[in-house]
Amino acid sequence: MVFKNPCMIHLFSTENNIINNYIAELRDVDVQKDSLRFRNNLIRLGSMMGYEISKKLNYEEKEVQTPLGIATVNVCSDKVVLGTILRAGLPLHDGLLQTFDTAENAIISAYRKHESELKFSIEVEYMSSPSLEDKILILCDPMLATGMSMVSCWKILTERRGLPKETHIVSVIASEDGFNYTKRHLPSDVNYWIGAVDPELNAKSYIIPGLGDAGDLAYGIKL
């Protein structure tokens, strides 16, 4: 289902598509025991969501020399920058990169800095990004829990590297609170590509029912 208000919100869970199979496996505690499959499902989701995003970009005709003549093909004319938030975002980023294989890349290290067990702020330690001016920014993070990481990373990227022509946010699972927080704190024309939206956060700001810690499930428990 697609809404424009003026942003575009594409929620894959409202449609019958194979993406939901991969999300089901990501949530499944038995399938989660296989970290390789967990990462591969995130990669596949990134590739499929990237394909859907590609339908909304700009194209131009290009003549291609074949062994037997000239073929005219519509090719994407937009310059794309793929941004990801470490570390859980890496497999999703890899899937997007398989679709947008000539894209530039932005990498951001952000984490929850806890003041207490339940209270935290978002700390950004590292950023590497090309200029975003007049480009398409696709910013991904598998879990949109509070929305604070996504908002902080977008603001730092745009403050330091310029405003993109368009921004597309990609997440596998969002909470209602995180989704609403992100929409409130980002420009109204940002586009959202979300696998599913879950109803709540627990006291530690983890999505319920969610799937757990995506970074730990993909790469092992952190210290």
C-alpha atoms as a PDB file:
ATOM      1  CA  MET A   1       0.000   0.000   0.000  1.00  0.00           C
ATOM      2  CA  VAL A   2       1.381   3.420  -0.965  1.00  0.00           C
ATOM      3  CA  PHE A   3       0.355   6.707   0.606  1.00  0.00           C
ATOM      4  CA  LYS A   4       1.445  10.232  -0.407  1.00  0.00           C
ATOM      5  CA  ASN A   5       1.138  12.970   2.170  1.00  0.00           C
ATOM      6  CA  PRO A   6       3.386  14.413   0.530  1.00  0.00           C
ATOM      7  CA  CYS A   7       5.884  11.704   1.465  1.00  0.00           C
ATOM      8  CA  MET A   8       5.524   8.171   0.159  1.00  0.00           C
ATOM      9  CA  ILE A   9       5.068   5.363   2.687  1.00  0.00           C
ATOM     10  CA  HIS A  10       5.396   1.859   1.287  1.00  0.00           C
ATOM     11  CA  LEU A  11       4.469  -0.805   3.867  1.00  0.00           C
ATOM     12  CA  PHE A  12       5.235  -4.245   2.436  1.00  0.00           C
ATOM     13  CA  SER A  13       3.323  -6.190   5.114  1.00  0.00           C
ATOM     14  CA  THR A  14       0.033  -4.884   3.705  1.00  0.00           C
ATOM     15  CA  GLU A  15       0.666  -6.706   0.414  1.00  0.00           C
ATOM     16  CA  ASN A  16       1.008 -10.339  -0.599  1.00  0.00           C
ATOM     17  CA  ASN A  17       4.641 -10.662  -1.655  1.00  0.00           C
ATOM     18  CA  ILE A  18       7.662 -12.882  -1.007  1.00  0.00           C
ATOM     19  CA  ILE A  19       9.222 -10.193   1.184  1.00  0.00           C
ATOM     20  CA  ASN A  20       6.907 -11.307   3.987  1.00  0.00           C
ATOM     21  CA  ASN A  21       8.380 -14.837   3.843  1.00  0.00           C
ATOM     22  CA  TYR A  22      11.843 -13.460   4.545  1.00  0.00           C
ATOM     23  CA  ILE A  23      10.563 -11.240   7.345  1.00  0.00           C
ATOM     24  CA  ALA A  24       8.843 -14.282   8.883  1.00  0.00           C
ATOM     25  CA  GLU A  25      12.166 -16.147   8.878  1.00  0.00           C
ATOM     26  CA  LEU A  26      13.981 -13.171  10.397  1.00  0.00           C
ATOM     27  CA  ARG A  27      11.493 -13.191  13.295  1.00  0.00           C
ATOM     28  CA  ASP A  28      11.515 -16.979  13.811  1.00  0.00           C
ATOM     29  CA  VAL A  29      13.597 -17.962  16.887  1.00  0.00           C
ATOM     30  CA  ASP A  30      14.460 -21.326  15.328  1.00  0.00           C
ATOM     31  CA  VAL A  31      15.591 -19.920  11.983  1.00  0.00           C
ATOM     32  CA  GLN A  32      17.549 -17.199  13.830  1.00  0.00           C
ATOM     33  CA  LYS A  33      19.965 -19.882  15.060  1.00  0.00           C
ATOM     34  CA  ASP A  34      21.469 -19.844  11.562  1.00  0.00           C
ATOM     35  CA  SER A  35      23.260 -16.477  11.391  1.00  0.00           C
ATOM     36  CA  LEU A  36      24.204 -17.026   7.737  1.00  0.00           C
ATOM     37  CA  ARG A  37      20.540 -17.398   6.781  1.00  0.00           C
ATOM     38  CA  PHE A  38      19.676 -14.349   8.910  1.00  0.00           C
ATOM     39  CA  ARG A  39      22.227 -12.238   7.020  1.00  0.00           C
ATOM     40  CA  ASN A  40      21.153 -13.641   3.647  1.00  0.00           C
ATOM     41  CA  ASN A  41      17.516 -12.781   4.351  1.00  0.00           C
ATOM     42  CA  LEU A  42      18.527  -9.188   5.114  1.00  0.00           C
ATOM     43  CA  ILE A  43      20.542  -9.096   1.891  1.00  0.00           C
ATOM     44  CA  ARG A  44      17.574 -10.375  -0.113  1.00  0.00           C
ATOM     45  CA  LEU A  45      15.269  -7.820   1.497  1.00  0.00           C
ATOM     46  CA  GLY A  46      17.689  -5.018   0.658  1.00  0.00           C
ATOM     47  CA  SER A  47      17.858  -6.130  -2.963  1.00  0.00           C
ATOM     48  CA  MET A  48      14.071  -6.416  -3.298  1.00  0.00           C
ATOM     49  CA  MET A  49      13.343  -3.127  -1.577  1.00  0.00           C
ATOM     50  CA  GLY A  50      15.987  -1.494  -3.752  1.00  0.00           C
ATOM     51  CA  TYR A  51      14.224  -2.803  -6.850  1.00  0.00           C
ATOM     52  CA  GLU A  52      10.952  -1.266  -5.660  1.00  0.00           C
ATOM     53  CA  ILE A  53      12.681   2.070  -4.987  1.00  0.00           C
ATOM     54  CA  SER A  54      14.219   1.979  -8.481  1.00  0.00           C
ATOM     55  CA  LYS A  55      10.737   2.249 -10.003  1.00  0.00           C
ATOM     56  CA  LYS A  56      10.399   5.751  -8.523  1.00  0.00           C
ATOM     57  CA  LEU A  57      13.667   7.176  -9.870  1.00  0.00           C
ATOM     58  CA  ASN A  58      14.376   9.123 -13.057  1.00  0.00           C
ATOM     59  CA  TYR A  59      15.396   7.464 -16.329  1.00  0.00           C
ATOM     60  CA  GLU A  60      16.787   8.511 -19.682  1.00  0.00           C
ATOM     61  CA  GLU A  61      17.300   6.811 -23.026  1.00  0.00           C
ATOM     62  CA  LYS A  62      20.723   5.385 -23.778  1.00  0.00           C
ATOM     63  CA  GLU A  63      21.976   3.827 -26.989  1.00  0.00           C
ATOM     64  CA  VAL A  64      23.917   0.613 -26.429  1.00  0.00           C
ATOM     65  CA  GLN A  65      26.109  -1.011 -29.055  1.00  0.00           C
ATOM     66  CA  THR A  66      25.382  -4.721 -29.366  1.00  0.00           C
ATOM     67  CA  PRO A  67      27.259  -7.189 -31.635  1.00  0.00           C
ATOM     68  CA  LEU A  68      24.445  -6.790 -34.189  1.00  0.00           C
ATOM     69  CA  GLY A  69      23.355  -3.183 -33.908  1.00  0.00           C
ATOM     70  CA  ILE A  70      22.176  -0.393 -31.612  1.00  0.00           C
ATOM     71  CA  ALA A  71      19.659  -0.965 -28.785  1.00  0.00           C
ATOM     72  CA  THR A  72      17.866   1.910 -27.081  1.00  0.00           C
ATOM     73  CA  VAL A  73      17.421   1.303 -23.353  1.00  0.00           C
ATOM     74  CA  ASN A  74      15.963   3.399 -20.533  1.00  0.00           C
ATOM     75  CA  VAL A  75      18.581   3.605 -17.778  1.00  0.00           C
ATOM     76  CA  CYS A  76      18.515   5.299 -14.387  1.00  0.00           C
ATOM     77  CA  SER A  77      19.865   8.830 -14.599  1.00  0.00           C
ATOM     78  CA  ASP A  78      19.884   9.576 -10.856  1.00  0.00           C
ATOM     79  CA  LYS A  79      23.059   9.443  -8.797  1.00  0.00           C
ATOM     80  CA  VAL A  80      22.440   7.240  -5.771  1.00  0.00           C
ATOM     81  CA  VAL A  81      24.176   7.250  -2.388  1.00  0.00           C
ATOM     82  CA  LEU A  82      23.527   4.245  -0.133  1.00  0.00           C
ATOM     83  CA  GLY A  83      23.862   5.041   3.564  1.00  0.00           C
ATOM     84  CA  THR A  84      23.917   2.503   6.369  1.00  0.00           C
ATOM     85  CA  ILE A  85      24.140   2.568  10.142  1.00  0.00           C
ATOM     86  CA  LEU A  86      26.692   0.135  11.588  1.00  0.00           C
ATOM     87  CA  ARG A  87      26.657  -2.719  12.322  1.00  0.00           C
ATOM     88  CA  ALA A  88      23.233  -4.264  11.841  1.00  0.00           C
ATOM     89  CA  GLY A  89      22.680  -2.339   8.611  1.00  0.00           C
ATOM     90  CA  LEU A  90      25.538  -4.000   6.713  1.00  0.00           C
ATOM     91  CA  PRO A  91      23.631  -6.960   5.196  1.00  0.00           C
ATOM     92  CA  LEU A  92      20.698  -4.740   4.227  1.00  0.00           C
ATOM     93  CA  HIS A  93      23.178  -2.297   2.681  1.00  0.00           C
ATOM     94  CA  ASP A  94      24.798  -5.155   0.755  1.00  0.00           C
ATOM     95  CA  GLY A  95      21.433  -6.098  -0.732  1.00  0.00           C
ATOM     96  CA  LEU A  96      20.750  -2.505  -1.793  1.00  0.00           C
ATOM     97  CA  LEU A  97      24.232  -2.362  -3.311  1.00  0.00           C
ATOM     98  CA  GLN A  98      23.483  -5.463  -5.381  1.00  0.00           C
ATOM     99  CA  THR A  99      20.602  -3.524  -6.951  1.00  0.00           C
ATOM    100  CA  PHE A 100      22.332  -0.119  -7.171  1.00  0.00           C
ATOM    101  CA  ASP A 101      25.744  -1.530  -8.017  1.00  0.00           C
ATOM    102  CA  THR A 102      27.231   1.777  -9.196  1.00  0.00           C
ATOM    103  CA  ALA A 103      26.055   3.744  -6.157  1.00  0.00           C
ATOM    104  CA  GLU A 104      28.307   5.727  -3.870  1.00  0.00           C
ATOM    105  CA  ASN A 105      28.264   4.747  -0.211  1.00  0.00           C
ATOM    106  CA  ALA A 106      27.950   6.439   3.168  1.00  0.00           C
ATOM    107  CA  ILE A 107      28.809   4.617   6.398  1.00  0.00           C
ATOM    108  CA  ILE A 108      27.867   5.830   9.872  1.00  0.00           C
ATOM    109  CA  SER A 109      28.708   4.394  13.278  1.00  0.00           C
ATOM    110  CA  ALA A 110      25.939   5.171  15.784  1.00  0.00           C
ATOM    111  CA  TYR A 111      25.089   3.521  19.077  1.00  0.00           C
ATOM    112  CA  ARG A 112      22.971   3.923  22.188  1.00  0.00           C
ATOM    113  CA  LYS A 113      24.992   5.619  24.947  1.00  0.00           C
ATOM    114  CA  HIS A 114      23.263   4.583  28.160  1.00  0.00           C
ATOM    115  CA  GLU A 115      22.980   6.950  31.089  1.00  0.00           C
ATOM    116  CA  SER A 116      21.021   4.263  32.963  1.00  0.00           C
ATOM    117  CA  GLU A 117      19.470   0.922  32.103  1.00  0.00           C
ATOM    118  CA  LEU A 118      16.504   2.604  30.441  1.00  0.00           C
ATOM    119  CA  LYS A 119      17.743   6.086  29.513  1.00  0.00           C
ATOM    120  CA  PHE A 120      20.101   6.672  26.584  1.00  0.00           C
ATOM    121  CA  SER A 121      21.147   9.092  23.879  1.00  0.00           C
ATOM    122  CA  ILE A 122      22.443   8.403  20.357  1.00  0.00           C
ATOM    123  CA  GLU A 123      26.181   8.800  19.903  1.00  0.00           C
ATOM    124  CA  VAL A 124      27.680   9.068  16.399  1.00  0.00           C
ATOM    125  CA  GLU A 125      31.375   8.172  16.370  1.00  0.00           C
ATOM    126  CA  TYR A 126      32.244   7.948  12.683  1.00  0.00           C
ATOM    127  CA  MET A 127      30.921   9.045   9.297  1.00  0.00           C
ATOM    128  CA  SER A 128      32.229   8.557   5.786  1.00  0.00           C
ATOM    129  CA  SER A 129      30.159   9.969   2.935  1.00  0.00           C
ATOM    130  CA  PRO A 130      30.420  11.599  -0.482  1.00  0.00           C
ATOM    131  CA  SER A 131      28.568  14.814  -1.282  1.00  0.00           C
ATOM    132  CA  LEU A 132      24.791  14.352  -1.231  1.00  0.00           C
ATOM    133  CA  GLU A 133      23.960  17.430  -3.295  1.00  0.00           C
ATOM    134  CA  ASP A 134      21.475  16.670  -6.103  1.00  0.00           C
ATOM    135  CA  LYS A 135      21.643  12.920  -5.378  1.00  0.00           C
ATOM    136  CA  ILE A 136      19.267  10.240  -4.140  1.00  0.00           C
ATOM    137  CA  LEU A 137      20.033   9.202  -0.548  1.00  0.00           C
ATOM    138  CA  ILE A 138      18.858   5.729   0.492  1.00  0.00           C
ATOM    139  CA  LEU A 139      19.451   5.382   4.227  1.00  0.00           C
ATOM    140  CA  CYS A 140      18.919   1.955   5.779  1.00  0.00           C
ATOM    141  CA  ASP A 141      18.738   0.363   9.219  1.00  0.00           C
ATOM    142  CA  PRO A 142      16.947  -2.989   9.786  1.00  0.00           C
ATOM    143  CA  MET A 143      15.209  -1.855  12.977  1.00  0.00           C
ATOM    144  CA  LEU A 144      13.484   1.509  13.375  1.00  0.00           C
ATOM    145  CA  ALA A 145      12.867   1.279  17.127  1.00  0.00           C
ATOM    146  CA  THR A 146      12.840   4.766  18.664  1.00  0.00           C
ATOM    147  CA  GLY A 147      13.761   6.470  15.377  1.00  0.00           C
ATOM    148  CA  MET A 148      16.478   8.449  17.158  1.00  0.00           C
ATOM    149  CA  SER A 149      19.403   6.800  15.331  1.00  0.00           C
ATOM    150  CA  MET A 150      17.856   7.337  11.909  1.00  0.00           C
ATOM    151  CA  VAL A 151      17.083  10.994  12.608  1.00  0.00           C
ATOM    152  CA  SER A 152      20.517  11.682  14.112  1.00  0.00           C
ATOM    153  CA  CYS A 153      22.331  10.068  11.186  1.00  0.00           C
ATOM    154  CA  TRP A 154      20.247  11.891   8.569  1.00  0.00           C
ATOM    155  CA  LYS A 155      20.884  15.227  10.251  1.00  0.00           C
ATOM    156  CA  ILE A 156      24.648  14.669  10.508  1.00  0.00           C
ATOM    157  CA  LEU A 157      24.877  13.485   6.891  1.00  0.00           C
ATOM    158  CA  THR A 158      22.950  16.446   5.511  1.00  0.00           C
ATOM    159  CA  GLU A 159      24.680  19.007   7.733  1.00  0.00           C
ATOM    160  CA  ARG A 160      28.118  17.846   6.589  1.00  0.00           C
ATOM    161  CA  ARG A 161      27.496  16.594   3.039  1.00  0.00           C
ATOM    162  CA  GLY A 162      24.582  18.695   1.785  1.00  0.00           C
ATOM    163  CA  LEU A 163      20.909  18.086   1.094  1.00  0.00           C
ATOM    164  CA  PRO A 164      20.009  15.253  -1.285  1.00  0.00           C
ATOM    165  CA  LYS A 165      17.437  15.631  -4.054  1.00  0.00           C
ATOM    166  CA  GLU A 166      15.419  12.834  -2.425  1.00  0.00           C
ATOM    167  CA  THR A 167      15.720  10.708   0.710  1.00  0.00           C
ATOM    168  CA  HIS A 168      14.437   7.142   1.026  1.00  0.00           C
ATOM    169  CA  ILE A 169      14.409   5.452   4.448  1.00  0.00           C
ATOM    170  CA  VAL A 170      14.588   1.636   4.391  1.00  0.00           C
ATOM    171  CA  SER A 171      13.832  -0.532   7.441  1.00  0.00           C
ATOM    172  CA  VAL A 172      12.692  -4.110   7.862  1.00  0.00           C
ATOM    173  CA  ILE A 173      10.707  -3.604  11.083  1.00  0.00           C
ATOM    174  CA  ALA A 174       9.635  -0.346  12.729  1.00  0.00           C
ATOM    175  CA  SER A 175       7.728   0.405  15.890  1.00  0.00           C
ATOM    176  CA  GLU A 176       4.767   2.731  15.664  1.00  0.00           C
ATOM    177  CA  ASP A 177       6.514   5.159  18.037  1.00  0.00           C
ATOM    178  CA  GLY A 178       9.768   5.068  16.078  1.00  0.00           C
ATOM    179  CA  PHE A 179       8.025   5.486  12.758  1.00  0.00           C
ATOM    180  CA  ASN A 180       6.028   8.476  14.032  1.00  0.00           C
ATOM    181  CA  TYR A 181       9.127  10.018  15.669  1.00  0.00           C
ATOM    182  CA  THR A 182      11.045   9.760  12.393  1.00  0.00           C
ATOM    183  CA  LYS A 183       8.234  11.339  10.383  1.00  0.00           C
ATOM    184  CA  ARG A 184       7.988  14.200  12.903  1.00  0.00           C
ATOM    185  CA  HIS A 185      11.694  14.996  12.865  1.00  0.00           C
ATOM    186  CA  LEU A 186      12.561  14.537   9.187  1.00  0.00           C
ATOM    187  CA  PRO A 187      11.326  16.652   6.250  1.00  0.00           C
ATOM    188  CA  SER A 188       7.805  15.932   5.052  1.00  0.00           C
ATOM    189  CA  ASP A 189       8.967  14.758   1.610  1.00  0.00           C
ATOM    190  CA  VAL A 190      11.132  11.882   2.899  1.00  0.00           C
ATOM    191  CA  ASN A 191       9.994   8.495   1.530  1.00  0.00           C
ATOM    192  CA  TYR A 192       9.669   5.338   3.653  1.00  0.00           C
ATOM    193  CA  TRP A 193      10.049   1.681   2.656  1.00  0.00           C
ATOM    194  CA  ILE A 194       9.155  -0.479   5.651  1.00  0.00           C
ATOM    195  CA  GLY A 195       8.704  -4.234   5.883  1.00  0.00           C
ATOM    196  CA  ALA A 196       6.338  -4.176   8.873  1.00  0.00           C
ATOM    197  CA  VAL A 197       5.284  -1.817  11.665  1.00  0.00           C
ATOM    198  CA  ASP A 198       4.917  -3.365  15.133  1.00  0.00           C
ATOM    199  CA  PRO A 199       2.691  -1.870  17.848  1.00  0.00           C
ATOM    200  CA  GLU A 200       5.020  -1.113  20.736  1.00  0.00           C
ATOM    201  CA  LEU A 201       8.405  -0.765  22.420  1.00  0.00           C
ATOM    202  CA  ASN A 202       9.325  -2.404  25.712  1.00  0.00           C
ATOM    203  CA  ALA A 203      10.932  -0.578  28.656  1.00  0.00           C
ATOM    204  CA  LYS A 204      14.379  -0.961  27.045  1.00  0.00           C
ATOM    205  CA  SER A 205      13.117   0.447  23.730  1.00  0.00           C
ATOM    206  CA  TYR A 206      13.189  -2.845  21.834  1.00  0.00           C
ATOM    207  CA  ILE A 207      10.448  -3.469  19.280  1.00  0.00           C
ATOM    208  CA  ILE A 208       7.650  -5.853  20.369  1.00  0.00           C
ATOM    209  CA  PRO A 209       7.218  -8.446  18.889  1.00  0.00           C
ATOM    210  CA  GLY A 210      10.133  -7.407  16.651  1.00  0.00           C
ATOM    211  CA  LEU A 211      12.875  -9.962  16.170  1.00  0.00           C
ATOM    212  CA  GLY A 212      15.500  -9.218  18.821  1.00  0.00           C
ATOM    213  CA  ASP A 213      18.883  -7.561  18.256  1.00  0.00           C
ATOM    214  CA  ALA A 214      19.559  -7.646  14.508  1.00  0.00           C
ATOM    215  CA  GLY A 215      23.276  -6.899  14.946  1.00  0.00           C
ATOM    216  CA  ASP A 216      23.765  -9.742  17.411  1.00  0.00           C
ATOM    217  CA  LEU A 217      21.780 -12.173  15.268  1.00  0.00           C
ATOM    218  CA  ALA A 218      23.812 -11.277  12.168  1.00  0.00           C
ATOM    219  CA  TYR A 219      27.303 -11.037  13.668  1.00  0.00           C
ATOM    220  CA  GLY A 220      27.309 -12.439  17.210  1.00  0.00           C
ATOM    221  CA  ILE A 221      26.733 -11.026  20.678  1.00  0.00           C
ATOM    222  CA  LYS A 222      28.602  -7.777  21.339  1.00  0.00           C
ATOM    223  CA  LEU A 223      30.586  -7.037  24.491  1.00  0.00           C
END
